[in-house]
PDB file of N, CA and C in Angstrom:
ATOM      1  N   UNK A   1     -55.433   9.367  20.576  1.00  0.00           N
ATOM      2  CA  UNK A   1     -54.706  10.472  21.287  1.00  0.00           C
ATOM      3  C   UNK A   1     -53.142  10.397  20.763  1.00  0.00           C
ATOM      4  N   UNK A   2     -52.940  12.034  20.539  1.00  0.00           N
ATOM      5  CA  UNK A   2     -51.288  12.214  20.061  1.00  0.00           C
ATOM      6  C   UNK A   2     -50.498  11.735  20.904  1.00  0.00           C
ATOM      7  N   UNK A   3     -49.342  10.742  20.986  1.00  0.00           N
ATOM      8  CA  UNK A   3     -48.403  10.227  21.774  1.00  0.00           C
ATOM      9  C   UNK A   3     -47.323  11.214  22.319  1.00  0.00           C
ATOM     10  N   UNK A   4     -47.601  12.520  21.176  1.00  0.00           N
ATOM     11  CA  UNK A   4     -46.407  13.999  21.661  1.00  0.00           C
ATOM     12  C   UNK A   4     -47.313  14.675  22.807  1.00  0.00           C
ATOM     13  N   UNK A   5     -46.452  14.532  24.096  1.00  0.00           N
ATOM     14  CA  UNK A   5     -47.227  15.826  24.732  1.00  0.00           C
ATOM     15  C   UNK A   5     -47.381  17.592  24.894  1.00  0.00           C
ATOM     16  N   UNK A   6     -46.501  17.867  23.910  1.00  0.00           N
ATOM     17  CA  UNK A   6     -46.659  18.964  23.291  1.00  0.00           C
ATOM     18  C   UNK A   6     -47.917  19.097  21.760  1.00  0.00           C
ATOM     19  N   UNK A   7     -47.684  18.319  21.074  1.00  0.00           N
ATOM     20  CA  UNK A   7     -48.827  18.284  20.209  1.00  0.00           C
ATOM     21  C   UNK A   7     -50.158  17.623  20.552  1.00  0.00           C
ATOM     22  N   UNK A   8     -50.069  17.435  21.864  1.00  0.00           N
ATOM     23  CA  UNK A   8     -52.004  16.668  21.903  1.00  0.00           C
ATOM     24  C   UNK A   8     -52.306  18.369  22.725  1.00  0.00           C
ATOM     25  N   UNK A   9     -51.254  18.994  23.748  1.00  0.00           N
ATOM     26  CA  UNK A   9     -51.708  20.139  23.672  1.00  0.00           C
ATOM     27  C   UNK A   9     -51.933  21.166  23.226  1.00  0.00           C
ATOM     28  N   UNK A  10     -51.371  20.877  22.019  1.00  0.00           N
ATOM     29  CA  UNK A  10     -51.399  22.397  21.040  1.00  0.00           C
ATOM     30  C   UNK A  10     -52.831  21.669  20.521  1.00  0.00           C
ATOM     31  N   UNK A  11     -52.704  20.652  19.818  1.00  0.00           N
ATOM     32  CA  UNK A  11     -54.390  20.203  19.068  1.00  0.00           C
ATOM     33  C   UNK A  11     -55.602  20.524  20.329  1.00  0.00           C
ATOM     34  N   UNK A  12     -55.275  20.112  21.793  1.00  0.00           N
ATOM     35  CA  UNK A  12     -56.504  20.715  22.596  1.00  0.00           C
ATOM     36  C   UNK A  12     -56.759  22.084  22.843  1.00  0.00           C
ATOM     37  N   UNK A  13     -55.661  22.615  22.050  1.00  0.00           N
ATOM     38  CA  UNK A  13     -55.880  24.179  22.512  1.00  0.00           C
ATOM     39  C   UNK A  13     -56.010  25.147  20.910  1.00  0.00           C
ATOM     40  N   UNK A  14     -56.560  23.880  19.667  1.00  0.00           N
ATOM     41  CA  UNK A  14     -56.679  24.788  18.777  1.00  0.00           C
ATOM     42  C   UNK A  14     -55.815  25.346  17.929  1.00  0.00           C
ATOM     43  N   UNK A  15     -54.677  24.782  18.474  1.00  0.00           N
ATOM     44  CA  UNK A  15     -53.316  25.136  17.305  1.00  0.00           C
ATOM     45  C   UNK A  15     -52.759  24.293  15.905  1.00  0.00           C
ATOM     46  N   UNK A  16     -52.534  23.980  15.459  1.00  0.00           N
ATOM     47  CA  UNK A  16     -52.123  23.632  14.489  1.00  0.00           C
ATOM     48  C   UNK A  16     -50.495  23.116  14.423  1.00  0.00           C
ATOM     49  N   UNK A  17     -50.382  21.716  14.454  1.00  0.00           N
ATOM     50  CA  UNK A  17     -49.293  20.724  15.042  1.00  0.00           C
ATOM     51  C   UNK A  17     -47.508  21.870  14.428  1.00  0.00           C
ATOM     52  N   UNK A  18     -48.451  22.684  12.634  1.00  0.00           N
ATOM     53  CA  UNK A  18     -47.191  22.545  12.550  1.00  0.00           C
ATOM     54  C   UNK A  18     -46.774  24.225  12.257  1.00  0.00           C
ATOM     55  N   UNK A  19     -47.560  24.677  13.429  1.00  0.00           N
ATOM     56  CA  UNK A  19     -47.611  26.671  13.918  1.00  0.00           C
ATOM     57  C   UNK A  19     -46.235  26.064  14.924  1.00  0.00           C
ATOM     58  N   UNK A  20     -45.551  26.173  14.981  1.00  0.00           N
ATOM     59  CA  UNK A  20     -44.399  26.145  16.095  1.00  0.00           C
ATOM     60  C   UNK A  20     -44.349  27.579  16.384  1.00  0.00           C
ATOM     61  N   UNK A  21     -44.884  28.634  16.240  1.00  0.00           N
ATOM     62  CA  UNK A  21     -44.331  29.657  17.197  1.00  0.00           C
ATOM     63  C   UNK A  21     -44.976  30.314  18.122  1.00  0.00           C
ATOM     64  N   UNK A  22     -45.447  29.274  19.029  1.00  0.00           N
ATOM     65  CA  UNK A  22     -45.975  29.126  20.759  1.00  0.00           C
ATOM     66  C   UNK A  22     -44.989  27.989  21.060  1.00  0.00           C
ATOM     67  N   UNK A  23     -44.317  27.280  20.700  1.00  0.00           N
ATOM     68  CA  UNK A  23     -43.717  26.190  21.182  1.00  0.00           C
ATOM     69  C   UNK A  23     -43.282  26.494  22.540  1.00  0.00           C
ATOM     70  N   UNK A  24     -42.264  27.238  22.645  1.00  0.00           N
ATOM     71  CA  UNK A  24     -41.577  27.626  23.915  1.00  0.00           C
ATOM     72  C   UNK A  24     -42.224  28.301  24.442  1.00  0.00           C
ATOM     73  N   UNK A  25     -43.337  28.816  24.473  1.00  0.00           N
ATOM     74  CA  UNK A  25     -44.224  29.213  25.606  1.00  0.00           C
ATOM     75  C   UNK A  25     -45.163  27.819  25.938  1.00  0.00           C
ATOM     76  N   UNK A  26     -45.437  27.405  25.086  1.00  0.00           N
ATOM     77  CA  UNK A  26     -46.363  25.751  25.314  1.00  0.00           C
ATOM     78  C   UNK A  26     -45.615  25.133  26.326  1.00  0.00           C
ATOM     79  N   UNK A  27     -44.040  24.651  26.188  1.00  0.00           N
ATOM     80  CA  UNK A  27     -42.966  24.125  26.273  1.00  0.00           C
ATOM     81  C   UNK A  27     -42.864  24.339  27.822  1.00  0.00           C
ATOM     82  N   UNK A  28     -43.131  25.943  28.713  1.00  0.00           N
ATOM     83  CA  UNK A  28     -42.427  26.570  29.439  1.00  0.00           C
ATOM     84  C   UNK A  28     -43.132  26.197  30.699  1.00  0.00           C
ATOM     85  N   UNK A  29     -44.722  26.282  29.665  1.00  0.00           N
ATOM     86  CA  UNK A  29     -46.036  26.365  31.036  1.00  0.00           C
ATOM     87  C   UNK A  29     -46.262  24.454  30.963  1.00  0.00           C
ATOM     88  N   UNK A  30     -45.907  23.665  30.154  1.00  0.00           N
ATOM     89  CA  UNK A  30     -46.430  22.852  30.060  1.00  0.00           C
ATOM     90  C   UNK A  30     -45.855  22.002  31.257  1.00  0.00           C
ATOM     91  N   UNK A  31     -44.455  22.680  31.209  1.00  0.00           N
ATOM     92  CA  UNK A  31     -43.384  21.948  32.293  1.00  0.00           C
ATOM     93  C   UNK A  31     -43.873  22.401  33.734  1.00  0.00           C
ATOM     94  N   UNK A  32     -44.626  23.560  33.958  1.00  0.00           N
ATOM     95  CA  UNK A  32     -44.940  23.801  34.917  1.00  0.00           C
ATOM     96  C   UNK A  32     -46.142  23.093  35.246  1.00  0.00           C
ATOM     97  N   UNK A  33     -46.946  22.642  34.574  1.00  0.00           N
ATOM     98  CA  UNK A  33     -47.995  21.365  35.146  1.00  0.00           C
ATOM     99  C   UNK A  33     -47.432  20.375  35.524  1.00  0.00           C
ATOM    100  N   UNK A  34     -46.223  20.057  34.338  1.00  0.00           N
ATOM    101  CA  UNK A  34     -45.644  18.700  34.671  1.00  0.00           C
ATOM    102  C   UNK A  34     -45.042  18.484  36.373  1.00  0.00           C
ATOM    103  N   UNK A  35     -44.549  19.645  36.890  1.00  0.00           N
ATOM    104  CA  UNK A  35     -43.729  19.873  38.252  1.00  0.00           C
ATOM    105  C   UNK A  35     -45.040  19.698  39.021  1.00  0.00           C
ATOM    106  N   UNK A  36     -46.468  19.973  38.804  1.00  0.00           N
ATOM    107  CA  UNK A  36     -47.175  19.721  39.843  1.00  0.00           C
ATOM    108  C   UNK A  36     -47.952  18.351  40.003  1.00  0.00           C
ATOM    109  N   UNK A  37     -47.627  17.635  38.769  1.00  0.00           N
ATOM    110  CA  UNK A  37     -47.830  16.362  38.546  1.00  0.00           C
ATOM    111  C   UNK A  37     -47.108  15.303  38.383  1.00  0.00           C
ATOM    112  N   UNK A  38     -45.936  15.547  39.325  1.00  0.00           N
ATOM    113  CA  UNK A  38     -44.739  15.155  40.198  1.00  0.00           C
ATOM    114  C   UNK A  38     -45.260  15.075  41.528  1.00  0.00           C
ATOM    115  N   UNK A  39     -44.982  16.400  41.554  1.00  0.00           N
ATOM    116  CA  UNK A  39     -46.252  16.960  43.812  1.00  0.00           C
ATOM    117  C   UNK A  39     -46.924  15.507  43.499  1.00  0.00           C
ATOM    118  N   UNK A  40     -48.028  15.341  42.943  1.00  0.00           N
ATOM    119  CA  UNK A  40     -49.203  14.533  42.846  1.00  0.00           C
ATOM    120  C   UNK A  40     -48.813  13.109  42.953  1.00  0.00           C
ATOM    121  N   UNK A  41     -47.914  13.013  42.153  1.00  0.00           N
ATOM    122  CA  UNK A  41     -46.782  11.678  42.187  1.00  0.00           C
ATOM    123  C   UNK A  41     -47.141  10.902  41.010  1.00  0.00           C
ATOM    124  N   UNK A  42     -47.211  11.506  40.174  1.00  0.00           N
ATOM    125  CA  UNK A  42     -47.265  11.374  38.571  1.00  0.00           C
ATOM    126  C   UNK A  42     -46.178  10.879  37.629  1.00  0.00           C
ATOM    127  N   UNK A  43     -45.310   9.984  37.298  1.00  0.00           N
ATOM    128  CA  UNK A  43     -44.322   9.752  36.744  1.00  0.00           C
ATOM    129  C   UNK A  43     -42.940   9.550  37.402  1.00  0.00           C
ATOM    130  N   UNK A  44     -41.901  10.033  37.124  1.00  0.00           N
ATOM    131  CA  UNK A  44     -40.103   9.437  37.954  1.00  0.00           C
ATOM    132  C   UNK A  44     -40.471  10.483  39.073  1.00  0.00           C
ATOM    133  N   UNK A  45     -40.089   9.817  40.383  1.00  0.00           N
ATOM    134  CA  UNK A  45     -39.811  10.851  41.086  1.00  0.00           C
ATOM    135  C   UNK A  45     -38.713  11.803  41.505  1.00  0.00           C
ATOM    136  N   UNK A  46     -38.412  12.008  40.290  1.00  0.00           N
ATOM    137  CA  UNK A  46     -37.068  13.070  39.855  1.00  0.00           C
ATOM    138  C   UNK A  46     -37.529  14.245  39.225  1.00  0.00           C
ATOM    139  N   UNK A  47     -38.855  13.997  38.441  1.00  0.00           N
ATOM    140  CA  UNK A  47     -39.335  14.811  37.925  1.00  0.00           C
ATOM    141  C   UNK A  47     -39.651  14.585  37.039  1.00  0.00           C
ATOM    142  N   UNK A  48     -40.122  15.200  36.086  1.00  0.00           N
ATOM    143  CA  UNK A  48     -39.753  15.207  34.356  1.00  0.00           C
ATOM    144  C   UNK A  48     -40.143  16.495  33.575  1.00  0.00           C
ATOM    145  N   UNK A  49     -39.909  16.791  32.575  1.00  0.00           N
ATOM    146  CA  UNK A  49     -39.754  17.607  31.531  1.00  0.00           C
ATOM    147  C   UNK A  49     -39.555  17.948  30.385  1.00  0.00           C
ATOM    148  N   UNK A  50     -40.326  18.372  29.104  1.00  0.00           N
ATOM    149  CA  UNK A  50     -40.172  18.128  28.181  1.00  0.00           C
ATOM    150  C   UNK A  50     -39.310  19.326  27.481  1.00  0.00           C
ATOM    151  N   UNK A  51     -38.756  19.114  26.331  1.00  0.00           N
ATOM    152  CA  UNK A  51     -37.951  20.390  25.412  1.00  0.00           C
ATOM    153  C   UNK A  51     -38.666  20.194  24.394  1.00  0.00           C
ATOM    154  N   UNK A  52     -39.745  18.886  23.328  1.00  0.00           N
ATOM    155  CA  UNK A  52     -39.766  19.763  22.046  1.00  0.00           C
ATOM    156  C   UNK A  52     -41.208  18.210  22.076  1.00  0.00           C
ATOM    157  N   UNK A  53     -41.306  18.053  20.679  1.00  0.00           N
ATOM    158  CA  UNK A  53     -42.229  17.954  20.427  1.00  0.00           C
ATOM    159  C   UNK A  53     -42.220  16.205  20.427  1.00  0.00           C
ATOM    160  N   UNK A  54     -41.028  15.765  20.542  1.00  0.00           N
ATOM    161  CA  UNK A  54     -40.471  14.570  21.005  1.00  0.00           C
ATOM    162  C   UNK A  54     -41.141  13.732  21.999  1.00  0.00           C
ATOM    163  N   UNK A  55     -40.976  14.299  23.154  1.00  0.00           N
ATOM    164  CA  UNK A  55     -41.490  13.954  24.355  1.00  0.00           C
ATOM    165  C   UNK A  55     -43.025  13.462  24.335  1.00  0.00           C
ATOM    166  N   UNK A  56     -43.344  12.217  24.844  1.00  0.00           N
ATOM    167  CA  UNK A  56     -44.603  11.717  24.791  1.00  0.00           C
ATOM    168  C   UNK A  56     -44.734  11.063  26.336  1.00  0.00           C
ATOM    169  N   UNK A  57     -46.586  10.988  25.907  1.00  0.00           N
ATOM    170  CA  UNK A  57     -46.813  10.722  27.389  1.00  0.00           C
ATOM    171  C   UNK A  57     -46.562   9.281  27.946  1.00  0.00           C
ATOM    172  N   UNK A  58     -45.807   8.517  26.879  1.00  0.00           N
ATOM    173  CA  UNK A  58     -45.881   7.313  27.343  1.00  0.00           C
ATOM    174  C   UNK A  58     -44.189   7.358  28.161  1.00  0.00           C
ATOM    175  N   UNK A  59     -43.903   8.040  28.397  1.00  0.00           N
ATOM    176  CA  UNK A  59     -42.675   8.592  28.544  1.00  0.00           C
ATOM    177  C   UNK A  59     -42.855   9.219  30.548  1.00  0.00           C
ATOM    178  N   UNK A  60     -43.398   9.802  30.327  1.00  0.00           N
ATOM    179  CA  UNK A  60     -44.192  10.045  31.374  1.00  0.00           C
ATOM    180  C   UNK A  60     -44.878   9.378  32.260  1.00  0.00           C
ATOM    181  N   UNK A  61     -46.076   8.342  31.543  1.00  0.00           N
ATOM    182  CA  UNK A  61     -46.849   7.517  32.536  1.00  0.00           C
ATOM    183  C   UNK A  61     -46.573   6.330  31.995  1.00  0.00           C
ATOM    184  N   UNK A  62     -45.965   5.884  31.395  1.00  0.00           N
ATOM    185  CA  UNK A  62     -45.707   4.593  31.270  1.00  0.00           C
ATOM    186  C   UNK A  62     -47.204   3.903  30.465  1.00  0.00           C
ATOM    187  N   UNK A  63     -47.108   2.813  31.115  1.00  0.00           N
ATOM    188  CA  UNK A  63     -48.254   1.902  30.344  1.00  0.00           C
ATOM    189  C   UNK A  63     -49.168   2.125  30.818  1.00  0.00           C
ATOM    190  N   UNK A  64     -49.173   2.928  31.792  1.00  0.00           N
ATOM    191  CA  UNK A  64     -50.380   2.364  32.551  1.00  0.00           C
ATOM    192  C   UNK A  64     -51.303   3.951  31.950  1.00  0.00           C
ATOM    193  N   UNK A  65     -52.972   3.266  31.574  1.00  0.00           N
ATOM    194  CA  UNK A  65     -53.781   3.691  31.203  1.00  0.00           C
ATOM    195  C   UNK A  65     -54.790   3.950  32.102  1.00  0.00           C
ATOM    196  N   UNK A  66     -54.721   4.348  33.382  1.00  0.00           N
ATOM    197  CA  UNK A  66     -55.433   4.506  34.526  1.00  0.00           C
ATOM    198  C   UNK A  66     -55.551   6.122  34.758  1.00  0.00           C
ATOM    199  N   UNK A  67     -54.449   6.686  34.437  1.00  0.00           N
ATOM    200  CA  UNK A  67     -54.146   8.053  34.721  1.00  0.00           C
ATOM    201  C   UNK A  67     -54.547   9.490  33.302  1.00  0.00           C
ATOM    202  N   UNK A  68     -55.464   8.622  32.794  1.00  0.00           N
ATOM    203  CA  UNK A  68     -55.724   9.474  31.452  1.00  0.00           C
ATOM    204  C   UNK A  68     -56.114  11.024  32.217  1.00  0.00           C
ATOM    205  N   UNK A  69     -56.865  10.873  33.592  1.00  0.00           N
ATOM    206  CA  UNK A  69     -56.656  12.119  33.719  1.00  0.00           C
ATOM    207  C   UNK A  69     -55.589  13.780  33.804  1.00  0.00           C
ATOM    208  N   UNK A  70     -54.649  12.597  33.383  1.00  0.00           N
ATOM    209  CA  UNK A  70     -53.362  13.866  33.878  1.00  0.00           C
ATOM    210  C   UNK A  70     -53.357  14.566  32.497  1.00  0.00           C
ATOM    211  N   UNK A  71     -53.365  13.837  31.261  1.00  0.00           N
ATOM    212  CA  UNK A  71     -53.239  15.077  30.506  1.00  0.00           C
ATOM    213  C   UNK A  71     -54.285  15.661  30.824  1.00  0.00           C
ATOM    214  N   UNK A  72     -55.540  15.404  30.607  1.00  0.00           N
ATOM    215  CA  UNK A  72     -56.968  16.500  31.000  1.00  0.00           C
ATOM    216  C   UNK A  72     -56.170  17.664  31.602  1.00  0.00           C
ATOM    217  N   UNK A  73     -55.931  17.499  33.166  1.00  0.00           N
ATOM    218  CA  UNK A  73     -55.218  18.210  33.927  1.00  0.00           C
ATOM    219  C   UNK A  73     -54.293  19.000  33.172  1.00  0.00           C
ATOM    220  N   UNK A  74     -53.549  18.749  32.871  1.00  0.00           N
ATOM    221  CA  UNK A  74     -52.324  19.619  31.798  1.00  0.00           C
ATOM    222  C   UNK A  74     -52.505  20.144  30.997  1.00  0.00           C
ATOM    223  N   UNK A  75     -53.441  19.976  30.355  1.00  0.00           N
ATOM    224  CA  UNK A  75     -54.009  20.858  29.274  1.00  0.00           C
ATOM    225  C   UNK A  75     -55.223  22.085  30.061  1.00  0.00           C
ATOM    226  N   UNK A  76     -55.770  21.742  30.868  1.00  0.00           N
ATOM    227  CA  UNK A  76     -56.385  22.430  31.607  1.00  0.00           C
ATOM    228  C   UNK A  76     -55.508  23.767  32.038  1.00  0.00           C
ATOM    229  N   UNK A  77     -54.396  23.376  32.843  1.00  0.00           N
ATOM    230  CA  UNK A  77     -53.464  24.258  33.557  1.00  0.00           C
ATOM    231  C   UNK A  77     -52.778  24.926  32.581  1.00  0.00           C
ATOM    232  N   UNK A  78     -52.242  24.487  31.590  1.00  0.00           N
ATOM    233  CA  UNK A  78     -51.962  25.090  30.160  1.00  0.00           C
ATOM    234  C   UNK A  78     -52.898  26.216  29.610  1.00  0.00           C
ATOM    235  N   UNK A  79     -53.718  26.206  29.760  1.00  0.00           N
ATOM    236  CA  UNK A  79     -54.789  26.806  29.035  1.00  0.00           C
ATOM    237  C   UNK A  79     -55.180  28.051  29.628  1.00  0.00           C
ATOM    238  N   UNK A  80     -55.250  27.650  31.294  1.00  0.00           N
ATOM    239  CA  UNK A  80     -55.448  28.877  32.130  1.00  0.00           C
ATOM    240  C   UNK A  80     -54.455  29.784  31.752  1.00  0.00           C
ATOM    241  N   UNK A  81     -52.952  29.457  31.649  1.00  0.00           N
ATOM    242  CA  UNK A  81     -51.785  30.441  31.601  1.00  0.00           C
ATOM    243  C   UNK A  81     -51.735  31.277  29.973  1.00  0.00           C
ATOM    244  N   UNK A  82     -52.224  30.243  29.311  1.00  0.00           N
ATOM    245  CA  UNK A  82     -51.474  30.531  27.785  1.00  0.00           C
ATOM    246  C   UNK A  82     -53.349  31.010  26.955  1.00  0.00           C
ATOM    247  N   UNK A  83     -54.185  30.915  27.415  1.00  0.00           N
ATOM    248  CA  UNK A  83     -55.547  31.124  26.964  1.00  0.00           C
ATOM    249  C   UNK A  83     -56.561  30.883  27.955  1.00  0.00           C
ATOM    250  N   UNK A  84     -56.508  32.099  28.571  1.00  0.00           N
ATOM    251  CA  UNK A  84     -57.680  32.318  29.812  1.00  0.00           C
ATOM    252  C   UNK A  84     -58.771  32.464  28.984  1.00  0.00           C
ATOM    253  N   UNK A  85     -59.983  32.313  29.602  1.00  0.00           N
ATOM    254  CA  UNK A  85     -61.263  32.537  28.952  1.00  0.00           C
ATOM    255  C   UNK A  85     -61.425  33.804  29.976  1.00  0.00           C
ATOM    256  N   UNK A  86     -62.232  34.806  29.250  1.00  0.00           N
ATOM    257  CA  UNK A  86     -62.099  36.195  29.719  1.00  0.00           C
ATOM    258  C   UNK A  86     -63.513  36.285  30.391  1.00  0.00           C
ATOM    259  N   UNK A  87     -64.110  34.966  30.739  1.00  0.00           N
ATOM    260  CA  UNK A  87     -65.286  35.262  31.406  1.00  0.00           C
ATOM    261  C   UNK A  87     -65.213  34.539  32.941  1.00  0.00           C
ATOM    262  N   UNK A  88     -65.422  35.409  33.953  1.00  0.00           N
ATOM    263  CA  UNK A  88     -64.896  34.723  35.165  1.00  0.00           C
ATOM    264  C   UNK A  88     -65.100  33.482  35.592  1.00  0.00           C
ATOM    265  N   UNK A  89     -67.086  33.204  35.060  1.00  0.00           N
ATOM    266  CA  UNK A  89     -67.507  31.694  35.741  1.00  0.00           C
ATOM    267  C   UNK A  89     -66.873  30.593  35.168  1.00  0.00           C
ATOM    268  N   UNK A  90     -66.083  30.861  33.864  1.00  0.00           N
ATOM    269  CA  UNK A  90     -65.855  29.743  32.934  1.00  0.00           C
ATOM    270  C   UNK A  90     -64.207  29.240  34.064  1.00  0.00           C
ATOM    271  N   UNK A  91     -63.551  30.482  34.315  1.00  0.00           N
ATOM    272  CA  UNK A  91     -61.717  30.126  35.063  1.00  0.00           C
ATOM    273  C   UNK A  91     -62.309  29.744  36.418  1.00  0.00           C
ATOM    274  N   UNK A  92     -63.785  30.484  36.925  1.00  0.00           N
ATOM    275  CA  UNK A  92     -63.683  29.135  38.400  1.00  0.00           C
ATOM    276  C   UNK A  92     -64.557  28.070  38.010  1.00  0.00           C
ATOM    277  N   UNK A  93     -64.763  27.479  36.779  1.00  0.00           N
ATOM    278  CA  UNK A  93     -65.364  26.519  36.630  1.00  0.00           C
ATOM    279  C   UNK A  93     -63.590  25.412  36.174  1.00  0.00           C
ATOM    280  N   UNK A  94     -62.801  26.375  35.455  1.00  0.00           N
ATOM    281  CA  UNK A  94     -61.970  24.983  34.815  1.00  0.00           C
ATOM    282  C   UNK A  94     -60.727  25.265  36.485  1.00  0.00           C
ATOM    283  N   UNK A  95     -61.079  26.210  36.960  1.00  0.00           N
ATOM    284  CA  UNK A  95     -60.468  25.654  38.323  1.00  0.00           C
ATOM    285  C   UNK A  95     -61.106  24.746  39.343  1.00  0.00           C
ATOM    286  N   UNK A  96     -61.753  24.754  39.652  1.00  0.00           N
ATOM    287  CA  UNK A  96     -62.683  23.626  40.170  1.00  0.00           C
ATOM    288  C   UNK A  96     -62.422  22.363  39.563  1.00  0.00           C
ATOM    289  N   UNK A  97     -62.466  21.985  37.876  1.00  0.00           N
ATOM    290  CA  UNK A  97     -62.206  20.935  37.186  1.00  0.00           C
ATOM    291  C   UNK A  97     -60.607  20.741  37.277  1.00  0.00           C
ATOM    292  N   UNK A  98     -59.610  21.504  37.703  1.00  0.00           N
ATOM    293  CA  UNK A  98     -58.129  21.070  38.130  1.00  0.00           C
ATOM    294  C   UNK A  98     -58.637  20.784  39.269  1.00  0.00           C
ATOM    295  N   UNK A  99     -58.271  21.210  40.477  1.00  0.00           N
ATOM    296  CA  UNK A  99     -58.973  20.858  42.055  1.00  0.00           C
ATOM    297  C   UNK A  99     -59.429  18.951  41.784  1.00  0.00           C
ATOM    298  N   UNK A 100     -60.554  19.090  41.232  1.00  0.00           N
ATOM    299  CA  UNK A 100     -61.523  17.705  41.481  1.00  0.00           C
ATOM    300  C   UNK A 100     -60.165  16.766  40.668  1.00  0.00           C
ATOM    301  N   UNK A 101     -59.471  16.586  39.367  1.00  0.00           N
ATOM    302  CA  UNK A 101     -58.709  16.093  38.923  1.00  0.00           C
ATOM    303  C   UNK A 101     -56.946  15.624  39.995  1.00  0.00           C
ATOM    304  N   UNK A 102     -56.852  17.341  40.532  1.00  0.00           N
ATOM    305  CA  UNK A 102     -55.645  16.825  41.508  1.00  0.00           C
ATOM    306  C   UNK A 102     -55.837  15.829  42.452  1.00  0.00           C
ATOM    307  N   UNK A 103     -57.442  16.343  43.191  1.00  0.00           N
ATOM    308  CA  UNK A 103     -57.496  15.554  43.889  1.00  0.00           C
ATOM    309  C   UNK A 103     -57.421  13.693  43.657  1.00  0.00           C
ATOM    310  N   UNK A 104     -58.077  13.640  42.526  1.00  0.00           N
ATOM    311  CA  UNK A 104     -58.702  12.083  42.169  1.00  0.00           C
ATOM    312  C   UNK A 104     -57.144  11.804  41.714  1.00  0.00           C
ATOM    313  N   UNK A 105     -56.558  12.319  41.124  1.00  0.00           N
ATOM    314  CA  UNK A 105     -54.874  12.207  40.821  1.00  0.00           C
ATOM    315  C   UNK A 105     -54.122  11.056  42.256  1.00  0.00           C
ATOM    316  N   UNK A 106     -54.217  12.387  43.070  1.00  0.00           N
ATOM    317  CA  UNK A 106     -53.432  12.042  44.572  1.00  0.00           C
ATOM    318  C   UNK A 106     -54.187  10.973  45.200  1.00  0.00           C
ATOM    319  N   UNK A 107     -55.537  10.702  45.038  1.00  0.00           N
ATOM    320  CA  UNK A 107     -56.004   9.578  45.838  1.00  0.00           C
ATOM    321  C   UNK A 107     -55.919   8.467  45.119  1.00  0.00           C
ATOM    322  N   UNK A 108     -55.741   8.381  43.626  1.00  0.00           N
ATOM    323  CA  UNK A 108     -55.121   7.618  42.926  1.00  0.00           C
ATOM    324  C   UNK A 108     -54.130   6.830  43.024  1.00  0.00           C
ATOM    325  N   UNK A 109     -53.175   7.384  43.572  1.00  0.00           N
ATOM    326  CA  UNK A 109     -51.798   7.558  43.404  1.00  0.00           C
ATOM    327  C   UNK A 109     -51.492   7.284  44.922  1.00  0.00           C
ATOM    328  N   UNK A 110     -51.909   7.932  45.923  1.00  0.00           N
ATOM    329  CA  UNK A 110     -51.906   7.625  47.413  1.00  0.00           C
ATOM    330  C   UNK A 110     -53.288   6.800  48.051  1.00  0.00           C
ATOM    331  N   UNK A 111     -53.600   6.099  47.979  1.00  0.00           N
ATOM    332  CA  UNK A 111     -54.694   5.471  48.557  1.00  0.00           C
ATOM    333  C   UNK A 111     -55.014   5.312  49.712  1.00  0.00           C
ATOM    334  N   UNK A 112     -53.626   5.220  50.539  1.00  0.00           N
ATOM    335  CA  UNK A 112     -53.365   4.626  52.197  1.00  0.00           C
ATOM    336  C   UNK A 112     -53.809   6.160  52.825  1.00  0.00           C
ATOM    337  N   UNK A 113     -53.407   7.214  51.762  1.00  0.00           N
ATOM    338  CA  UNK A 113     -53.241   8.382  52.318  1.00  0.00           C
ATOM    339  C   UNK A 113     -54.329   9.446  52.335  1.00  0.00           C
ATOM    340  N   UNK A 114     -54.501   9.931  53.716  1.00  0.00           N
ATOM    341  CA  UNK A 114     -55.713  10.916  54.241  1.00  0.00           C
ATOM    342  C   UNK A 114     -56.183  11.965  53.109  1.00  0.00           C
ATOM    343  N   UNK A 115     -56.631  11.916  51.538  1.00  0.00           N
ATOM    344  CA  UNK A 115     -56.207  12.865  50.770  1.00  0.00           C
ATOM    345  C   UNK A 115     -57.789  13.875  51.129  1.00  0.00           C
TER     346      UNK A 115
END
């Protein structure tokens, strides 16, 4: 996996790493998804945002390897905003995947709570 949050999301979206024409828009959408991750208990309690390709998953997740779903969750959220499918069934499927990942992330972080 690419360490850079921005570059990994670009790769998953099929955008070349050298193409910077969408970076500001992607950064805005990534930060929106990261705000949700903070609310789910991921990353620093004061929140986390990126400003460039220099920000990494390691900064957000630390050395934890049990939170790989966060990467997929952030990608799916960005995809729905940045490049949504035209088929409503695909949109619904992605929405369900996001809900599943959110539930699992929250349950993993808060095993004592009634999620």
